[in-house]
C-alpha atoms as a PDB file:
ATOM      1  CA  MET A   1      20.269  -2.400  -1.267  1.00  0.00           C
ATOM      2  CA  ARG A   2      22.917  -2.069   1.418  1.00  0.00           C
ATOM      3  CA  ARG A   3      24.604   0.796  -0.413  1.00  0.00           C
ATOM      4  CA  PHE A   4      21.286   2.614  -0.775  1.00  0.00           C
ATOM      5  CA  ARG A   5      20.534   2.315   2.951  1.00  0.00           C
ATOM      6  CA  GLU A   6      24.019   3.479   3.848  1.00  0.00           C
ATOM      7  CA  ARG A   7      23.793   6.367   1.410  1.00  0.00           C
ATOM      8  CA  ILE A   8      20.600   7.819   2.917  1.00  0.00           C
ATOM      9  CA  GLY A   9      21.425   6.866   6.510  1.00  0.00           C
ATOM     10  CA  VAL A  10      18.904   4.167   7.494  1.00  0.00           C
ATOM     11  CA  ARG A  11      19.635   0.701   8.832  1.00  0.00           C
ATOM     12  CA  GLU A  12      16.310  -0.779   7.768  1.00  0.00           C
ATOM     13  CA  LEU A  13      13.300  -0.160   5.542  1.00  0.00           C
ATOM     14  CA  VAL A  14       9.570  -0.459   6.193  1.00  0.00           C
ATOM     15  CA  ASP A  15       7.524  -1.521   3.166  1.00  0.00           C
ATOM     16  CA  VAL A  16       3.760  -1.056   3.581  1.00  0.00           C
ATOM     17  CA  HIS A  17       2.764  -2.666   0.273  1.00  0.00           C
ATOM     18  CA  THR A  18       3.973  -6.237  -0.162  1.00  0.00           C
ATOM     19  CA  HIS A  19       1.809  -9.206  -1.114  1.00  0.00           C
ATOM     20  CA  PHE A  20       1.571 -12.481   0.761  1.00  0.00           C
ATOM     21  CA  MET A  21      -1.542 -14.634   0.429  1.00  0.00           C
ATOM     22  CA  PRO A  22      -2.524 -18.298   0.226  1.00  0.00           C
ATOM     23  CA  GLU A  23      -0.363 -19.973  -2.391  1.00  0.00           C
ATOM     24  CA  ARG A  24      -3.207 -21.047  -4.639  1.00  0.00           C
ATOM     25  CA  VAL A  25      -4.580 -17.504  -4.606  1.00  0.00           C
ATOM     26  CA  LEU A  26      -1.186 -16.002  -5.387  1.00  0.00           C
ATOM     27  CA  ARG A  27      -0.681 -18.455  -8.265  1.00  0.00           C
ATOM     28  CA  LYS A  28      -3.974 -17.263  -9.737  1.00  0.00           C
ATOM     29  CA  VAL A  29      -2.821 -13.661  -9.395  1.00  0.00           C
ATOM     30  CA  TRP A  30       0.403 -14.489 -11.235  1.00  0.00           C
ATOM     31  CA  ALA A  31      -1.553 -16.305 -13.939  1.00  0.00           C
ATOM     32  CA  TYR A  32      -3.675 -13.189 -14.378  1.00  0.00           C
ATOM     33  CA  PHE A  33      -0.571 -11.053 -14.892  1.00  0.00           C
ATOM     34  CA  ASP A  34       0.835 -13.638 -17.285  1.00  0.00           C
ATOM     35  CA  GLY A  35      -2.381 -13.582 -19.293  1.00  0.00           C
ATOM     36  CA  LEU A  36      -2.349  -9.780 -19.617  1.00  0.00           C
ATOM     37  CA  GLY A  37      -5.823  -9.554 -18.115  1.00  0.00           C
ATOM     38  CA  PRO A  38      -7.867  -6.361 -18.566  1.00  0.00           C
ATOM     39  CA  LEU A  39      -6.984  -4.992 -15.116  1.00  0.00           C
ATOM     40  CA  THR A  40      -3.308  -4.907 -16.103  1.00  0.00           C
ATOM     41  CA  GLY A  41      -4.114  -2.604 -19.000  1.00  0.00           C
ATOM     42  CA  GLY A  42      -2.779  -5.189 -21.431  1.00  0.00           C
ATOM     43  CA  ILE A  43       0.776  -4.356 -20.357  1.00  0.00           C
ATOM     44  CA  GLU A  44       3.388  -7.113 -20.376  1.00  0.00           C
ATOM     45  CA  TRP A  45       4.104  -7.743 -16.701  1.00  0.00           C
ATOM     46  CA  PRO A  46       6.747 -10.374 -15.878  1.00  0.00           C
ATOM     47  CA  ILE A  47       6.898 -11.312 -12.172  1.00  0.00           C
ATOM     48  CA  THR A  48      10.462 -10.781 -10.957  1.00  0.00           C
ATOM     49  CA  TYR A  49      10.193 -12.645  -7.639  1.00  0.00           C
ATOM     50  CA  ARG A  50       8.208 -15.735  -8.612  1.00  0.00           C
ATOM     51  CA  GLU A  51       9.458 -17.800  -5.687  1.00  0.00           C
ATOM     52  CA  GLU A  52       8.127 -19.899  -2.855  1.00  0.00           C
ATOM     53  CA  GLU A  53       6.827 -18.093   0.211  1.00  0.00           C
ATOM     54  CA  ARG A  54       9.847 -18.891   2.397  1.00  0.00           C
ATOM     55  CA  GLN A  55      12.223 -17.558  -0.261  1.00  0.00           C
ATOM     56  CA  ARG A  56      10.213 -14.354  -0.650  1.00  0.00           C
ATOM     57  CA  VAL A  57      10.287 -13.682   3.079  1.00  0.00           C
ATOM     58  CA  ALA A  58      14.032 -14.336   3.119  1.00  0.00           C
ATOM     59  CA  ARG A  59      14.560 -11.929   0.235  1.00  0.00           C
ATOM     60  CA  LEU A  60      12.831  -9.064   2.029  1.00  0.00           C
ATOM     61  CA  ARG A  61      14.953  -9.684   5.105  1.00  0.00           C
ATOM     62  CA  GLU A  62      18.058  -9.823   2.922  1.00  0.00           C
ATOM     63  CA  PHE A  63      17.028  -6.476   1.385  1.00  0.00           C
ATOM     64  CA  GLY A  64      16.960  -4.956   4.869  1.00  0.00           C
ATOM     65  CA  VAL A  65      13.176  -4.650   5.116  1.00  0.00           C
ATOM     66  CA  ARG A  66      12.469  -4.606   8.809  1.00  0.00           C
ATOM     67  CA  ALA A  67       8.651  -4.741   8.555  1.00  0.00           C
ATOM     68  CA  PHE A  68       6.301  -5.488   5.689  1.00  0.00           C
ATOM     69  CA  THR A  69       2.657  -6.374   5.016  1.00  0.00           C
ATOM     70  CA  ALA A  70       0.587  -9.213   3.576  1.00  0.00           C
ATOM     71  CA  MET A  71      -1.637  -7.277   1.178  1.00  0.00           C
ATOM     72  CA  LEU A  72      -4.450  -9.662   0.257  1.00  0.00           C
ATOM     73  CA  TYR A  73      -7.939  -8.938  -1.011  1.00  0.00           C
ATOM     74  CA  PRO A  74     -11.196 -10.645  -1.997  1.00  0.00           C
ATOM     75  CA  HIS A  75     -12.797 -10.327  -5.415  1.00  0.00           C
ATOM     76  CA  LYS A  76     -16.199 -11.659  -4.335  1.00  0.00           C
ATOM     77  CA  PRO A  77     -18.345 -12.023  -1.205  1.00  0.00           C
ATOM     78  CA  GLY A  78     -17.429 -14.719   1.278  1.00  0.00           C
ATOM     79  CA  MET A  79     -13.657 -14.562   0.776  1.00  0.00           C
ATOM     80  CA  ALA A  80     -12.569 -11.886   3.225  1.00  0.00           C
ATOM     81  CA  ARG A  81     -13.092 -13.772   6.506  1.00  0.00           C
ATOM     82  CA  TRP A  82     -11.185 -16.789   5.147  1.00  0.00           C
ATOM     83  CA  LEU A  83      -8.333 -14.581   3.898  1.00  0.00           C
ATOM     84  CA  ASN A  84      -8.190 -12.857   7.278  1.00  0.00           C
ATOM     85  CA  GLY A  85      -7.805 -16.208   9.003  1.00  0.00           C
ATOM     86  CA  TRP A  86      -4.898 -17.125   6.735  1.00  0.00           C
ATOM     87  CA  ALA A  87      -3.270 -13.709   7.242  1.00  0.00           C
ATOM     88  CA  ALA A  88      -3.497 -13.970  11.021  1.00  0.00           C
ATOM     89  CA  GLU A  89      -1.691 -17.298  10.913  1.00  0.00           C
ATOM     90  CA  PHE A  90       0.924 -15.916   8.509  1.00  0.00           C
ATOM     91  CA  ALA A  91       1.576 -13.004  10.890  1.00  0.00           C
ATOM     92  CA  ARG A  92       1.988 -15.436  13.792  1.00  0.00           C
ATOM     93  CA  ARG A  93       4.681 -17.400  11.963  1.00  0.00           C
ATOM     94  CA  THR A  94       6.261 -14.287  10.387  1.00  0.00           C
ATOM     95  CA  PRO A  95       6.851 -11.772  13.192  1.00  0.00           C
ATOM     96  CA  ASP A  96       8.241  -9.068  10.897  1.00  0.00           C
ATOM     97  CA  CYS A  97       4.981  -9.019   8.906  1.00  0.00           C
ATOM     98  CA  LEU A  98       2.451  -6.474  10.131  1.00  0.00           C
ATOM     99  CA  HIS A  99      -0.760  -8.423  10.767  1.00  0.00           C
ATOM    100  CA  THR A 100      -2.861  -7.585   7.698  1.00  0.00           C
ATOM    101  CA  SER A 101      -6.596  -8.038   7.096  1.00  0.00           C
ATOM    102  CA  THR A 102      -9.071  -7.174   4.363  1.00  0.00           C
ATOM    103  CA  LEU A 103     -12.767  -6.466   3.797  1.00  0.00           C
ATOM    104  CA  PHE A 104     -15.550  -6.482   1.208  1.00  0.00           C
ATOM    105  CA  PRO A 105     -18.988  -4.830   1.058  1.00  0.00           C
ATOM    106  CA  GLU A 106     -21.166  -7.701   2.254  1.00  0.00           C
ATOM    107  CA  ASP A 107     -23.387  -8.723   5.127  1.00  0.00           C
ATOM    108  CA  GLY A 108     -21.346  -9.285   8.265  1.00  0.00           C
ATOM    109  CA  VAL A 109     -18.398  -7.108   7.213  1.00  0.00           C
ATOM    110  CA  HIS A 110     -18.516  -5.045  10.425  1.00  0.00           C
ATOM    111  CA  THR A 111     -18.423  -8.230  12.517  1.00  0.00           C
ATOM    112  CA  TYR A 112     -15.369  -9.775  10.908  1.00  0.00           C
ATOM    113  CA  VAL A 113     -13.535  -6.440  10.737  1.00  0.00           C
ATOM    114  CA  GLN A 114     -14.104  -6.030  14.471  1.00  0.00           C
ATOM    115  CA  GLU A 115     -12.906  -9.581  15.059  1.00  0.00           C
ATOM    116  CA  ALA A 116      -9.748  -8.880  13.052  1.00  0.00           C
ATOM    117  CA  VAL A 117      -9.023  -5.669  14.959  1.00  0.00           C
ATOM    118  CA  GLU A 118      -9.541  -7.425  18.293  1.00  0.00           C
ATOM    119  CA  ALA A 119      -7.198 -10.192  17.085  1.00  0.00           C
ATOM    120  CA  GLY A 120      -4.449  -7.622  16.529  1.00  0.00           C
ATOM    121  CA  ALA A 121      -4.747  -6.588  12.866  1.00  0.00           C
ATOM    122  CA  ARG A 122      -2.495  -3.577  12.321  1.00  0.00           C
ATOM    123  CA  VAL A 123      -3.326  -2.733   8.714  1.00  0.00           C
ATOM    124  CA  PHE A 124      -6.135  -3.486   6.243  1.00  0.00           C
ATOM    125  CA  LYS A 125      -6.058  -3.818   2.475  1.00  0.00           C
ATOM    126  CA  ALA A 126      -8.907  -2.695   0.209  1.00  0.00           C
ATOM    127  CA  HIS A 127      -8.794  -3.165  -3.558  1.00  0.00           C
ATOM    128  CA  VAL A 128     -11.502  -1.164  -5.288  1.00  0.00           C
ATOM    129  CA  GLN A 129     -10.267  -2.092  -8.764  1.00  0.00           C
ATOM    130  CA  VAL A 130     -10.155  -5.885  -8.311  1.00  0.00           C
ATOM    131  CA  GLY A 131     -13.178  -6.021  -6.003  1.00  0.00           C
ATOM    132  CA  ALA A 132     -15.191  -3.819  -8.399  1.00  0.00           C
ATOM    133  CA  TYR A 133     -17.075  -2.201  -5.520  1.00  0.00           C
ATOM    134  CA  ASP A 134     -17.905   1.325  -4.455  1.00  0.00           C
ATOM    135  CA  PRO A 135     -15.853   2.133  -1.330  1.00  0.00           C
ATOM    136  CA  ALA A 136     -18.708   4.407  -0.284  1.00  0.00           C
ATOM    137  CA  ASP A 137     -21.121   1.437  -0.264  1.00  0.00           C
ATOM    138  CA  GLU A 138     -23.305   1.868   2.822  1.00  0.00           C
ATOM    139  CA  ARG A 139     -22.498  -1.685   3.947  1.00  0.00           C
ATOM    140  CA  LEU A 140     -18.902  -0.574   4.533  1.00  0.00           C
ATOM    141  CA  ASP A 141     -19.805   2.511   6.567  1.00  0.00           C
ATOM    142  CA  PRO A 142     -19.773   0.787   9.989  1.00  0.00           C
ATOM    143  CA  ALA A 143     -16.450  -0.882   9.155  1.00  0.00           C
ATOM    144  CA  TRP A 144     -14.848   2.402   8.050  1.00  0.00           C
ATOM    145  CA  GLY A 145     -16.107   4.013  11.262  1.00  0.00           C
ATOM    146  CA  LEU A 146     -14.674   1.197  13.372  1.00  0.00           C
ATOM    147  CA  LEU A 147     -11.283   1.434  11.658  1.00  0.00           C
ATOM    148  CA  ALA A 148     -11.256   5.214  12.025  1.00  0.00           C
ATOM    149  CA  ASP A 149     -11.994   4.940  15.744  1.00  0.00           C
ATOM    150  CA  ALA A 150      -9.355   2.233  16.187  1.00  0.00           C
ATOM    151  CA  GLY A 151      -6.742   4.186  14.196  1.00  0.00           C
ATOM    152  CA  VAL A 152      -5.975   1.157  12.013  1.00  0.00           C
ATOM    153  CA  PRO A 153      -4.580   2.215   8.606  1.00  0.00           C
ATOM    154  CA  VAL A 154      -6.139   0.966   5.369  1.00  0.00           C
ATOM    155  CA  VAL A 155      -3.968   0.637   2.254  1.00  0.00           C
ATOM    156  CA  ILE A 156      -6.447   1.126  -0.573  1.00  0.00           C
ATOM    157  CA  HIS A 157      -5.990   0.679  -4.318  1.00  0.00           C
ATOM    158  CA  CYS A 158      -8.448   3.274  -5.564  1.00  0.00           C
ATOM    159  CA  GLY A 159      -6.648   5.003  -8.437  1.00  0.00           C
ATOM    160  CA  SER A 160      -7.483   4.105 -12.024  1.00  0.00           C
ATOM    161  CA  GLY A 161      -4.126   2.581 -12.900  1.00  0.00           C
ATOM    162  CA  PRO A 162      -3.046   0.468 -14.594  1.00  0.00           C
ATOM    163  CA  ALA A 163      -6.618   0.239 -15.927  1.00  0.00           C
ATOM    164  CA  PRO A 164      -9.745   2.014 -14.669  1.00  0.00           C
ATOM    165  CA  GLY A 165     -12.464   0.153 -12.798  1.00  0.00           C
ATOM    166  CA  LYS A 166     -16.117   0.964 -12.319  1.00  0.00           C
ATOM    167  CA  HIS A 167     -15.498   2.673  -8.972  1.00  0.00           C
ATOM    168  CA  THR A 168     -11.864   3.819  -9.179  1.00  0.00           C
ATOM    169  CA  GLY A 169     -10.805   7.454  -9.041  1.00  0.00           C
ATOM    170  CA  PRO A 170     -10.901  10.157  -6.375  1.00  0.00           C
ATOM    171  CA  GLU A 171     -14.646  10.823  -6.233  1.00  0.00           C
ATOM    172  CA  PRO A 172     -15.747   7.642  -4.359  1.00  0.00           C
ATOM    173  CA  ILE A 173     -12.898   8.077  -1.875  1.00  0.00           C
ATOM    174  CA  ALA A 174     -13.854  11.708  -1.322  1.00  0.00           C
ATOM    175  CA  ARG A 175     -17.328  10.515  -0.311  1.00  0.00           C
ATOM    176  CA  VAL A 176     -15.834   8.037   2.162  1.00  0.00           C
ATOM    177  CA  LEU A 177     -13.616  10.695   3.705  1.00  0.00           C
ATOM    178  CA  ALA A 178     -16.468  13.190   3.952  1.00  0.00           C
ATOM    179  CA  ARG A 179     -18.207  10.665   6.246  1.00  0.00           C
ATOM    180  CA  HIS A 180     -15.045   9.445   8.030  1.00  0.00           C
ATOM    181  CA  PRO A 181     -12.476  12.283   8.028  1.00  0.00           C
ATOM    182  CA  ARG A 182     -10.300  10.535  10.659  1.00  0.00           C
ATOM    183  CA  LEU A 183      -9.952   7.342   8.618  1.00  0.00           C
ATOM    184  CA  ARG A 184      -6.272   6.545   8.079  1.00  0.00           C
ATOM    185  CA  LEU A 185      -6.343   5.796   4.358  1.00  0.00           C
ATOM    186  CA  VAL A 186      -3.052   5.041   2.629  1.00  0.00           C
ATOM    187  CA  VAL A 187      -3.670   5.584  -1.078  1.00  0.00           C
ATOM    188  CA  ALA A 188      -1.716   2.936  -2.978  1.00  0.00           C
ATOM    189  CA  HIS A 189       0.474   3.842  -5.959  1.00  0.00           C
ATOM    190  CA  LEU A 190       0.150   7.562  -5.050  1.00  0.00           C
ATOM    191  CA  GLY A 191      -3.298   7.290  -6.646  1.00  0.00           C
ATOM    192  CA  MET A 192      -1.857   6.520 -10.086  1.00  0.00           C
ATOM    193  CA  PRO A 193      -2.695   8.040 -12.564  1.00  0.00           C
ATOM    194  CA  GLU A 194      -4.866  10.626 -10.720  1.00  0.00           C
ATOM    195  CA  TYR A 195      -1.865  11.733  -8.697  1.00  0.00           C
ATOM    196  CA  GLU A 196      -2.846  15.367  -8.224  1.00  0.00           C
ATOM    197  CA  ASP A 197      -6.439  14.568  -7.286  1.00  0.00           C
ATOM    198  CA  PHE A 198      -5.255  12.306  -4.491  1.00  0.00           C
ATOM    199  CA  LEU A 199      -2.679  14.877  -3.390  1.00  0.00           C
ATOM    200  CA  ASP A 200      -5.675  17.212  -3.046  1.00  0.00           C
ATOM    201  CA  LEU A 201      -7.323  14.745  -0.659  1.00  0.00           C
ATOM    202  CA  ALA A 202      -4.130  14.294   1.342  1.00  0.00           C
ATOM    203  CA  GLU A 203      -3.824  18.061   1.713  1.00  0.00           C
ATOM    204  CA  ARG A 204      -7.462  18.288   2.816  1.00  0.00           C
ATOM    205  CA  TYR A 205      -7.470  15.358   5.277  1.00  0.00           C
ATOM    206  CA  THR A 206      -4.599  15.081   7.730  1.00  0.00           C
ATOM    207  CA  GLU A 207      -4.931  11.300   8.178  1.00  0.00           C
ATOM    208  CA  VAL A 208      -4.663  10.523   4.457  1.00  0.00           C
ATOM    209  CA  ARG A 209      -1.322   9.135   3.344  1.00  0.00           C
ATOM    210  CA  LEU A 210       0.046   7.828   0.049  1.00  0.00           C
ATOM    211  CA  ASP A 211       2.389   4.962  -0.739  1.00  0.00           C
ATOM    212  CA  THR A 212       4.995   5.040  -3.476  1.00  0.00           C
ATOM    213  CA  THR A 213       4.214   1.614  -4.965  1.00  0.00           C
ATOM    214  CA  MET A 214       5.552   1.476  -8.538  1.00  0.00           C
ATOM    215  CA  ALA A 215       5.434   5.269  -8.859  1.00  0.00           C
ATOM    216  CA  PHE A 216       8.366   6.955 -10.640  1.00  0.00           C
ATOM    217  CA  THR A 217       9.759   3.642 -11.921  1.00  0.00           C
ATOM    218  CA  ASP A 218      10.742   3.383 -15.568  1.00  0.00           C
ATOM    219  CA  PHE A 219       7.931   0.859 -15.998  1.00  0.00           C
ATOM    220  CA  SER A 220       5.155   3.130 -14.693  1.00  0.00           C
ATOM    221  CA  GLU A 221       6.488   6.360 -16.149  1.00  0.00           C
ATOM    222  CA  ARG A 222       5.838   4.947 -19.621  1.00  0.00           C
ATOM    223  CA  PHE A 223       2.061   4.832 -19.158  1.00  0.00           C
ATOM    224  CA  ALA A 224       1.354   6.995 -16.068  1.00  0.00           C
ATOM    225  CA  PRO A 225       4.076   9.640 -15.628  1.00  0.00           C
ATOM    226  CA  PHE A 226       4.006  11.639 -12.423  1.00  0.00           C
ATOM    227  CA  PRO A 227       3.622  15.368 -13.232  1.00  0.00           C
ATOM    228  CA  ARG A 228       6.836  17.133 -12.264  1.00  0.00           C
ATOM    229  CA  ARG A 229       4.879  20.261 -11.340  1.00  0.00           C
ATOM    230  CA  ALA A 230       3.484  18.278  -8.388  1.00  0.00           C
ATOM    231  CA  LEU A 231       6.871  17.426  -6.860  1.00  0.00           C
ATOM    232  CA  PRO A 232       6.801  20.389  -4.443  1.00  0.00           C
ATOM    233  CA  ARG A 233       3.462  19.127  -3.139  1.00  0.00           C
ATOM    234  CA  LEU A 234       4.945  15.647  -2.685  1.00  0.00           C
ATOM    235  CA  ALA A 235       7.816  17.172  -0.739  1.00  0.00           C
ATOM    236  CA  GLY A 236       5.381  19.155   1.385  1.00  0.00           C
ATOM    237  CA  LEU A 237       3.608  15.939   2.357  1.00  0.00           C
ATOM    238  CA  GLY A 238       6.907  14.259   3.190  1.00  0.00           C
ATOM    239  CA  ASP A 239       5.701  13.066   6.595  1.00  0.00           C
ATOM    240  CA  ARG A 240       2.759  11.217   4.993  1.00  0.00           C
ATOM    241  CA  ILE A 241       4.432   9.436   2.082  1.00  0.00           C
ATOM    242  CA  LEU A 242       5.235   5.762   2.754  1.00  0.00           C
ATOM    243  CA  LEU A 243       7.426   3.301   0.931  1.00  0.00           C
ATOM    244  CA  GLY A 244       5.505   0.654  -1.002  1.00  0.00           C
ATOM    245  CA  SER A 245       6.869  -1.766  -3.584  1.00  0.00           C
ATOM    246  CA  ASP A 246       4.231  -4.357  -4.712  1.00  0.00           C
ATOM    247  CA  PHE A 247       6.813  -7.095  -4.036  1.00  0.00           C
ATOM    248  CA  PRO A 248       6.848  -9.811  -5.365  1.00  0.00           C
ATOM    249  CA  ASN A 249       4.572  -8.798  -8.250  1.00  0.00           C
ATOM    250  CA  ILE A 250       6.941  -6.309  -9.854  1.00  0.00           C
ATOM    251  CA  PRO A 251       8.489  -6.420 -13.337  1.00  0.00           C
ATOM    252  CA  TYR A 252      11.902  -5.119 -12.208  1.00  0.00           C
ATOM    253  CA  PRO A 253      14.362  -5.571  -9.322  1.00  0.00           C
ATOM    254  CA  TYR A 254      13.223  -4.294  -5.908  1.00  0.00           C
ATOM    255  CA  VAL A 255      16.055  -1.781  -5.678  1.00  0.00           C
ATOM    256  CA  HIS A 256      14.768   0.047  -8.782  1.00  0.00           C
ATOM    257  CA  GLN A 257      11.859   1.456  -6.741  1.00  0.00           C
ATOM    258  CA  LEU A 258      14.362   2.983  -4.327  1.00  0.00           C
ATOM    259  CA  HIS A 259      16.537   4.413  -7.081  1.00  0.00           C
ATOM    260  CA  ALA A 260      13.396   5.903  -8.666  1.00  0.00           C
ATOM    261  CA  LEU A 261      12.649   7.742  -5.419  1.00  0.00           C
ATOM    262  CA  GLU A 262      16.242   8.827  -4.984  1.00  0.00           C
ATOM    263  CA  ARG A 263      16.447  10.404  -8.430  1.00  0.00           C
ATOM    264  CA  LEU A 264      13.578  12.751  -7.554  1.00  0.00           C
ATOM    265  CA  GLU A 265      16.256  14.674  -5.626  1.00  0.00           C
ATOM    266  CA  LEU A 266      13.945  15.617  -2.772  1.00  0.00           C
ATOM    267  CA  GLY A 267      16.735  15.124  -0.254  1.00  0.00           C
ATOM    268  CA  ASP A 268      17.952  12.480   2.179  1.00  0.00           C
ATOM    269  CA  ASP A 269      15.653  13.703   4.968  1.00  0.00           C
ATOM    270  CA  TRP A 270      12.660  13.075   2.706  1.00  0.00           C
ATOM    271  CA  LEU A 271      13.996   9.658   1.664  1.00  0.00           C
ATOM    272  CA  ARG A 272      14.656   8.584   5.254  1.00  0.00           C
ATOM    273  CA  ALA A 273      11.145   9.588   6.240  1.00  0.00           C
ATOM    274  CA  VAL A 274       9.570   7.777   3.290  1.00  0.00           C
ATOM    275  CA  CYS A 275      11.653   4.626   3.527  1.00  0.00           C
ATOM    276  CA  HIS A 276      11.477   4.194   7.287  1.00  0.00           C
ATOM    277  CA  ASP A 277      10.426   6.901   9.713  1.00  0.00           C
ATOM    278  CA  ASN A 278       6.880   7.641   8.527  1.00  0.00           C
ATOM    279  CA  ALA A 279       5.737   4.026   8.579  1.00  0.00           C
ATOM    280  CA  ALA A 280       7.652   3.292  11.792  1.00  0.00           C
ATOM    281  CA  ARG A 281       5.792   6.146  13.456  1.00  0.00           C
ATOM    282  CA  LEU A 282       2.412   5.156  11.993  1.00  0.00           C
ATOM    283  CA  PHE A 283       2.701   1.564  13.199  1.00  0.00           C
ATOM    284  CA  GLY A 284       4.485   2.318  16.455  1.00  0.00           C
ATOM    285  CA  LEU A 285       7.593   0.404  15.419  1.00  0.00           C
ATOM    286  CA  ASP A 286       9.880   3.044  16.897  1.00  0.00           C
ATOM    287  CA  ARG A 287       8.304   4.958  19.726  1.00  0.00           C
ATOM    288  CA  ASP A 288      11.331   7.248  19.786  1.00  0.00           C
ATOM    289  CA  VAL A 289      11.526   8.141  16.065  1.00  0.00           C
ATOM    290  CA  PRO A 290      12.182  11.885  16.180  1.00  0.00           C
ATOM    291  CA  GLY A 291      10.353  14.276  13.883  1.00  0.00           C
ATOM    292  CA  ARG A 292      12.590  15.129  10.964  1.00  0.00           C
ATOM    293  CA  PRO A 293      12.045  18.124   8.717  1.00  0.00           C
ATOM    294  CA  THR A 294      11.202  17.238   5.123  1.00  0.00           C
ATOM    295  CA  SER A 295      13.421  18.469   2.335  1.00  0.00           C
ATOM    296  CA  ARG A 296      12.142  20.933  -0.209  1.00  0.00           C
ATOM    297  CA  PRO A 297      13.081  20.832  -3.892  1.00  0.00           C
END
């Protein structure tokens, strides 16, 4: 990790897609992966960093991750407010974690989203696949509008990988963006496997970003390879691509995600922007981060 940072010229990383949640919830998530549940696509998925919370936080710091998130998400009504309370407390005791919140299409969603924003939430997580909901559900409209007005980013798993859900894919997200074009959506996993469709949305809407979570790794390339013809488009969006990892729920060492990005050969300027500058600018971590030109293949 240290050699990678030195090689591309950054002291620290910002990872916008890491998972911290109540321990009993996380254990259930790990059990789901262990059981090869349908949402994993039946793919064997060993958890590399199956450690206690304190150890996982220490690992990220050891890796040189300066800021990270607590991506957590409900799978049914009535969970989101409770998860948001836990996440607020986690952010208070973990100052390098960006205060993360979540939401679900249910009565009262606008109220608790507003409460979370007023309490200092800096990023939201939405999981269309696990939640099995339509992101364009009218109950979410006021919440999307609030988040757009507040400029709070939303990391959203909306692609159909590793297994499609009832409402995954670009079409539901396109409907959300048509209503809320200023919404700062960060499409998780680069929209895997509908990469090019989500690149289309990012090119159409200037506030849409994509995170690199699991993309280009040997693991993901086996079942959802990124089309090499789209690399110039990825380079062209270099100021809106953010590092994500899915730590701790990854079936390989953390550094492999970074090596997978490096071997794209899009240049050190692009890598620096992805691994640090873009997220630092989005979250106001470095008010003086200069604009850097993106490399072209």
